[in-house]
């Protein structure tokens, strides 16, 4: 019976959405086994209650020393837990934190580790799917047989939720490792207005928008659709949208119900960040633009002609 553990990640005093995504994957592969979340911090009861809606079991690891993230203490308490409750699979967010402690944890567990995965199949051996060569190739990695496996998981991929009303268990585990780092403080990035990775509708603009002043057109369309505005790397590099609105390998991965690509040619770096959207609609003057290769619907035309007409029609339909 497979036990799949997902290590929750806590952001600025709130549960990071990737924590639920890890459990979505856990529930998808557990079979007759269990999905189990581990939440680490000072006071994690509220987070545990949220996680219990998506996991068969939630393990609380609480202590004042765990108030702020420390990779040494994370590995320490996880090893203590796993010495008592043996995992078959450990899922970690492919974040700056996860990328730091997951390999160390894997070494301590004598477990193979595959990073930044976008798929996982355990039906016939263990096979992880990930991109290589900056997203140019999608490969399946057949992982050697082991007692435990560790994977870091790309955010924004596993969004199909499974509701499971599980139990919450106080592990009673306390840090035992000697702390070699001193927590000084957190420098928060400039807060964005929206989280594009969680939006159901994304209106994304590329070079074809021509100028920062034309972003208003995309914002108007996004407002009518109840969505958010994002952009490709050239738009972000030009300073027309903040960095947290970038879609692509060097930005965020999004998987909305509707993705509108306006004036985006479709470089592979961008496509890797949005290709799993449920419905992709592209507008571009170039009929050979690569974006049309992943779009379900394509309009060959000038966005300054198409978008105003689309806004007018949508408002007419909405009354």
Protein backbone atom coordinates (compact mmCIF):
# COMPACT_ATOMS: atom_id res chain seq x y z
CA UNK A 1 0.00 0.00 0.00
CA UNK A 2 1.60 3.23 -1.17
CA UNK A 3 2.04 6.15 1.21
CA UNK A 4 2.53 9.47 -0.58
CA UNK A 5 3.70 12.39 1.57
CA UNK A 6 3.33 16.00 0.39
CA UNK A 7 5.36 18.66 2.23
CA UNK A 8 3.20 21.77 2.54
CA UNK A 9 4.71 25.16 1.90
CA UNK A 10 3.70 28.23 3.88
CA UNK A 11 4.17 31.64 2.30
CA UNK A 12 3.61 34.99 3.97
CA UNK A 13 1.45 33.65 6.78
CA UNK A 14 -0.75 31.71 4.39
CA UNK A 15 -0.76 28.29 2.78
CA UNK A 16 0.86 28.40 -0.64
CA UNK A 17 -1.52 27.01 -3.32
CA UNK A 18 1.20 24.61 -4.45
CA UNK A 19 0.58 22.66 -1.22
CA UNK A 20 -2.86 21.64 -2.51
CA UNK A 21 -1.41 20.87 -5.93
CA UNK A 22 1.04 18.43 -4.32
CA UNK A 23 -1.90 16.68 -2.67
CA UNK A 24 -3.77 16.60 -5.98
CA UNK A 25 -0.87 14.60 -7.40
CA UNK A 26 -0.65 12.47 -4.26
CA UNK A 27 -4.31 11.53 -4.54
CA UNK A 28 -3.90 10.76 -8.24
CA UNK A 29 -1.10 8.22 -7.69
CA UNK A 30 -1.84 6.73 -4.25
CA UNK A 31 -4.09 3.94 -5.52
CA UNK A 32 -5.29 2.00 -2.46
CA UNK A 33 -2.75 3.84 -0.32
CA UNK A 34 -2.86 7.19 1.47
CA UNK A 35 -2.17 10.83 0.70
CA UNK A 36 -0.46 12.45 3.67
CA UNK A 37 0.48 16.09 4.16
CA UNK A 38 3.22 17.38 6.45
CA UNK A 39 2.93 20.97 7.65
CA UNK A 40 5.85 22.51 9.52
CA UNK A 41 5.84 25.72 11.56
CA UNK A 42 5.09 27.41 14.87
CA UNK A 43 1.27 27.32 14.94
CA UNK A 44 -0.04 25.34 11.96
CA UNK A 45 -3.52 24.29 13.08
CA UNK A 46 -5.39 26.45 10.56
CA UNK A 47 -3.16 25.21 7.72
CA UNK A 48 -3.68 21.61 8.82
CA UNK A 49 -7.46 22.04 8.69
CA UNK A 50 -7.26 23.29 5.11
CA UNK A 51 -4.91 20.49 4.08
CA UNK A 52 -7.17 17.87 5.70
CA UNK A 53 -9.80 18.66 3.04
CA UNK A 54 -7.43 17.18 0.45
CA UNK A 55 -5.42 14.54 2.35
CA UNK A 56 -6.16 11.28 4.12
CA UNK A 57 -3.88 12.37 6.95
CA UNK A 58 -2.13 15.58 7.97
CA UNK A 59 0.95 15.52 10.20
CA UNK A 60 1.54 18.66 12.28
CA UNK A 61 5.13 19.45 13.21
CA UNK A 62 5.03 22.46 15.52
CA UNK A 63 7.69 24.31 17.47
CA UNK A 64 8.72 27.92 18.01
CA UNK A 65 12.07 27.16 16.34
CA UNK A 66 10.15 26.29 13.17
CA UNK A 67 8.40 29.65 12.90
CA UNK A 68 10.75 30.68 10.10
CA UNK A 69 11.97 28.39 7.33
CA UNK A 70 15.31 26.72 7.97
CA UNK A 71 16.45 23.92 5.62
CA UNK A 72 18.49 22.17 8.31
CA UNK A 73 15.54 21.99 10.68
CA UNK A 74 13.14 20.95 7.90
CA UNK A 75 15.37 17.99 7.01
CA UNK A 76 15.83 17.19 10.70
CA UNK A 77 12.12 16.98 11.57
CA UNK A 78 11.22 15.22 8.33
CA UNK A 79 13.81 12.53 8.96
CA UNK A 80 12.42 12.05 12.44
CA UNK A 81 8.91 11.65 11.05
CA UNK A 82 9.97 9.35 8.24
CA UNK A 83 11.90 7.09 10.61
CA UNK A 84 8.55 6.30 12.24
CA UNK A 85 6.18 6.71 9.29
CA UNK A 86 7.92 5.34 6.20
CA UNK A 87 7.06 7.12 2.93
CA UNK A 88 7.01 5.52 -0.49
CA UNK A 89 6.93 8.87 -2.29
CA UNK A 90 7.78 12.35 -1.00
CA UNK A 91 6.49 15.34 -2.97
CA UNK A 92 8.05 18.78 -2.50
CA UNK A 93 7.27 22.08 -4.25
CA UNK A 94 9.80 23.02 -6.93
CA UNK A 95 10.31 26.37 -5.23
CA UNK A 96 13.46 28.04 -3.93
CA UNK A 97 12.86 26.26 -0.62
CA UNK A 98 12.10 22.88 -2.12
CA UNK A 99 15.10 23.06 -4.45
CA UNK A 100 17.26 23.68 -1.39
CA UNK A 101 16.20 20.95 1.01
CA UNK A 102 14.75 18.21 -1.22
CA UNK A 103 18.13 16.95 -2.54
CA UNK A 104 19.54 16.89 1.02
CA UNK A 105 16.50 14.97 2.23
CA UNK A 106 16.86 12.52 -0.66
CA UNK A 107 20.51 11.84 0.20
CA UNK A 108 19.64 11.25 3.86
CA UNK A 109 16.87 8.85 2.82
CA UNK A 110 19.11 7.16 0.23
CA UNK A 111 16.36 7.96 -2.25
CA UNK A 112 16.53 8.93 -5.94
CA UNK A 113 15.35 12.47 -6.64
CA UNK A 114 13.87 13.99 -9.80
CA UNK A 115 13.30 17.74 -9.89
CA UNK A 116 10.72 20.00 -11.53
CA UNK A 117 8.40 17.20 -12.64
CA UNK A 118 5.16 17.80 -14.54
CA UNK A 119 3.93 14.20 -14.51
CA UNK A 120 4.30 11.04 -12.42
CA UNK A 121 3.25 7.48 -13.25
CA UNK A 122 3.65 4.67 -10.71
CA UNK A 123 1.53 2.03 -12.47
CA UNK A 124 4.49 0.12 -13.93
CA UNK A 125 7.64 1.12 -12.12
CA UNK A 126 8.17 4.79 -11.31
CA UNK A 127 8.28 7.15 -14.28
CA UNK A 128 8.55 10.93 -13.89
CA UNK A 129 7.95 13.43 -16.68
CA UNK A 130 9.95 16.64 -16.91
CA UNK A 131 11.32 19.13 -19.43
CA UNK A 132 14.98 19.30 -20.45
CA UNK A 133 17.06 21.70 -22.55
CA UNK A 134 15.14 24.75 -21.28
CA UNK A 135 11.82 23.20 -22.15
CA UNK A 136 12.67 22.09 -25.69
CA UNK A 137 12.10 18.40 -24.93
CA UNK A 138 9.64 16.57 -22.71
CA UNK A 139 11.12 13.33 -21.38
CA UNK A 140 10.05 10.41 -19.22
CA UNK A 141 12.58 9.48 -16.56
CA UNK A 142 12.42 5.84 -15.49
CA UNK A 143 13.59 5.97 -11.88
CA UNK A 144 15.59 3.12 -10.40
CA UNK A 145 13.79 0.88 -7.94
CA UNK A 146 14.02 2.18 -4.39
CA UNK A 147 12.19 2.08 -1.08
CA UNK A 148 11.50 5.82 -1.17
CA UNK A 149 11.39 8.40 -3.98
CA UNK A 150 11.66 12.19 -3.74
CA UNK A 151 10.25 14.56 -6.37
CA UNK A 152 10.02 18.33 -6.63
CA UNK A 153 6.86 19.34 -8.49
CA UNK A 154 6.33 22.30 -10.82
CA UNK A 155 3.68 24.72 -9.59
CA UNK A 156 0.51 25.29 -11.59
CA UNK A 157 0.38 21.83 -13.21
CA UNK A 158 -1.69 19.61 -10.90
CA UNK A 159 -4.81 21.71 -10.36
CA UNK A 160 -7.49 18.99 -10.59
CA UNK A 161 -8.64 18.81 -6.98
CA UNK A 162 -9.84 15.74 -5.12
CA UNK A 163 -11.80 16.30 -1.92
CA UNK A 164 -10.73 13.98 0.90
CA UNK A 165 -11.77 14.61 4.48
CA UNK A 166 -8.77 13.32 6.42
CA UNK A 167 -7.53 13.23 9.98
CA UNK A 168 -5.07 15.60 11.66
CA UNK A 169 -2.27 14.08 13.75
CA UNK A 170 0.05 15.95 16.11
CA UNK A 171 3.41 14.32 15.43
CA UNK A 172 4.98 15.50 18.69
CA UNK A 173 8.26 15.93 16.81
CA UNK A 174 10.64 18.73 17.86
CA UNK A 175 13.83 19.97 16.18
CA UNK A 176 16.96 18.19 17.38
CA UNK A 177 19.60 19.46 14.95
CA UNK A 178 22.12 22.14 15.80
CA UNK A 179 21.13 25.33 13.99
CA UNK A 180 24.01 26.73 11.94
CA UNK A 181 22.10 29.62 10.43
CA UNK A 182 20.57 32.64 12.11
CA UNK A 183 17.28 33.98 10.81
CA UNK A 184 17.66 37.71 10.18
CA UNK A 185 14.47 38.69 8.40
CA UNK A 186 12.40 38.44 5.25
CA UNK A 187 12.68 40.89 2.38
CA UNK A 188 9.31 40.67 0.66
CA UNK A 189 9.19 41.16 -3.13
CA UNK A 190 7.01 43.96 -4.41
CA UNK A 191 3.48 42.72 -4.00
CA UNK A 192 1.58 42.02 -7.18
CA UNK A 193 -2.08 42.78 -7.62
CA UNK A 194 -2.95 39.25 -8.72
CA UNK A 195 -1.57 35.71 -8.83
CA UNK A 196 -1.81 34.74 -12.49
CA UNK A 197 -1.12 31.06 -11.69
CA UNK A 198 -4.47 30.84 -9.87
CA UNK A 199 -6.63 32.74 -12.40
CA UNK A 200 -9.35 30.99 -14.43
CA UNK A 201 -8.99 33.45 -17.32
CA UNK A 202 -5.67 34.90 -18.47
CA UNK A 203 -5.37 37.55 -21.18
CA UNK A 204 -1.71 37.52 -22.18
CA UNK A 205 0.04 40.07 -24.40
CA UNK A 206 3.23 39.90 -26.42
CA UNK A 207 5.30 42.12 -28.69
CA UNK A 208 2.23 42.74 -30.84
CA UNK A 209 0.83 45.09 -28.19
CA UNK A 210 3.44 47.60 -29.48
CA UNK A 211 3.46 49.98 -26.51
CA UNK A 212 2.77 50.09 -22.77
CA UNK A 213 -0.21 52.39 -23.33
CA UNK A 214 -1.94 49.63 -25.29
CA UNK A 215 -1.99 47.33 -22.23
CA UNK A 216 -5.27 49.09 -21.40
CA UNK A 217 -6.91 47.23 -24.28
CA UNK A 218 -5.97 43.87 -22.75
CA UNK A 219 -7.08 45.06 -19.31
CA UNK A 220 -10.47 46.01 -20.74
CA UNK A 221 -10.89 42.57 -22.28
CA UNK A 222 -9.76 40.88 -19.06
CA UNK A 223 -12.30 42.91 -17.08
CA UNK A 224 -15.15 41.83 -19.36
CA UNK A 225 -14.07 38.18 -19.05
CA UNK A 226 -13.40 38.36 -15.32
CA UNK A 227 -9.75 37.53 -15.87
CA UNK A 228 -6.24 38.92 -15.34
CA UNK A 229 -3.59 40.34 -17.66
CA UNK A 230 -0.24 38.61 -18.13
CA UNK A 231 2.56 38.87 -20.66
CA UNK A 232 5.43 37.22 -22.46
CA UNK A 233 9.05 37.95 -21.58
CA UNK A 234 9.58 40.85 -24.04
CA UNK A 235 6.65 42.70 -22.46
CA UNK A 236 8.07 42.15 -18.96
CA UNK A 237 11.62 43.07 -20.01
CA UNK A 238 10.24 46.32 -21.48
CA UNK A 239 8.76 47.15 -18.07
CA UNK A 240 5.20 47.25 -19.38
CA UNK A 241 4.02 44.66 -16.82
CA UNK A 242 5.57 43.60 -13.49
CA UNK A 243 7.71 40.46 -13.29
CA UNK A 244 5.02 38.48 -11.44
CA UNK A 245 2.83 38.69 -14.57
CA UNK A 246 5.31 36.82 -16.79
CA UNK A 247 4.22 33.49 -18.30
CA UNK A 248 6.91 31.04 -19.35
CA UNK A 249 9.93 29.04 -18.22
CA UNK A 250 11.52 32.06 -16.55
CA UNK A 251 8.13 33.25 -15.24
CA UNK A 252 5.08 31.38 -14.02
CA UNK A 253 3.27 28.28 -15.26
CA UNK A 254 -0.45 28.85 -15.72
CA UNK A 255 -3.28 26.43 -16.41
CA UNK A 256 -6.45 28.55 -16.66
CA UNK A 257 -9.78 27.55 -18.14
CA UNK A 258 -9.20 30.16 -20.87
CA UNK A 259 -5.89 31.56 -22.13
CA UNK A 260 -6.06 34.39 -24.66
CA UNK A 261 -2.74 35.04 -26.41
CA UNK A 262 -2.71 38.49 -28.02
CA UNK A 263 0.19 39.33 -30.30
CA UNK A 264 2.33 36.51 -28.91
CA UNK A 265 4.43 34.65 -31.48
CA UNK A 266 4.81 31.60 -29.27
CA UNK A 267 8.48 30.99 -28.47
CA UNK A 268 8.92 27.61 -26.77
CA UNK A 269 9.90 29.33 -23.51
CA UNK A 270 6.45 30.94 -23.39
CA UNK A 271 4.53 27.91 -24.61
CA UNK A 272 6.00 25.75 -21.84
CA UNK A 273 4.32 28.04 -19.33
CA UNK A 274 0.78 27.92 -20.75
CA UNK A 275 0.34 24.94 -23.07
CA UNK A 276 -1.72 22.96 -20.51
CA UNK A 277 -4.46 25.62 -20.38
CA UNK A 278 -7.92 24.10 -20.95
CA UNK A 279 -8.74 26.40 -23.87
CA UNK A 280 -6.21 28.49 -25.79
CA UNK A 281 -7.28 31.24 -28.20
CA UNK A 282 -4.57 33.07 -30.16
CA UNK A 283 -4.69 36.31 -32.16
CA UNK A 284 -1.69 37.11 -34.35
CA UNK A 285 -1.05 38.78 -37.71
CA UNK A 286 1.44 36.08 -38.70
CA UNK A 287 -0.36 32.92 -39.89
CA UNK A 288 2.88 30.97 -39.31
CA UNK A 289 3.24 32.02 -35.67
CA UNK A 290 4.11 28.98 -33.47
CA UNK A 291 1.36 29.93 -31.00
CA UNK A 292 -1.20 28.58 -33.45
CA UNK A 293 0.35 25.14 -33.02
CA UNK A 294 -0.95 24.89 -29.44
CA UNK A 295 -4.14 26.98 -29.77
CA UNK A 296 -7.53 25.35 -30.15
CA UNK A 297 -8.80 28.50 -31.89
CA UNK A 298 -6.72 30.97 -33.87
CA UNK A 299 -7.50 34.34 -35.44
CA UNK A 300 -5.12 35.69 -38.06
CA UNK A 301 -5.50 39.43 -37.73
CA UNK A 302 -4.46 42.64 -36.03
CA UNK A 303 -5.22 42.61 -32.31
CA UNK A 304 -6.21 46.29 -32.55
CA UNK A 305 -9.02 45.27 -34.88
CA UNK A 306 -9.96 41.95 -33.29
CA UNK A 307 -9.91 42.82 -29.57
CA UNK A 308 -12.21 45.90 -29.69
CA UNK A 309 -14.71 43.88 -31.75
CA UNK A 310 -14.47 41.01 -29.27
CA UNK A 311 -15.03 43.34 -26.30
CA UNK A 312 -18.07 44.88 -28.00
CA UNK A 313 -19.56 41.46 -28.76
CA UNK A 314 -18.94 40.15 -25.24
CA UNK A 315 -20.62 43.19 -23.70
CA UNK A 316 -23.54 42.74 -26.06
CA UNK A 317 -23.92 39.10 -24.98
CA UNK A 318 -23.64 39.98 -21.31
CA UNK A 319 -26.22 42.72 -21.73
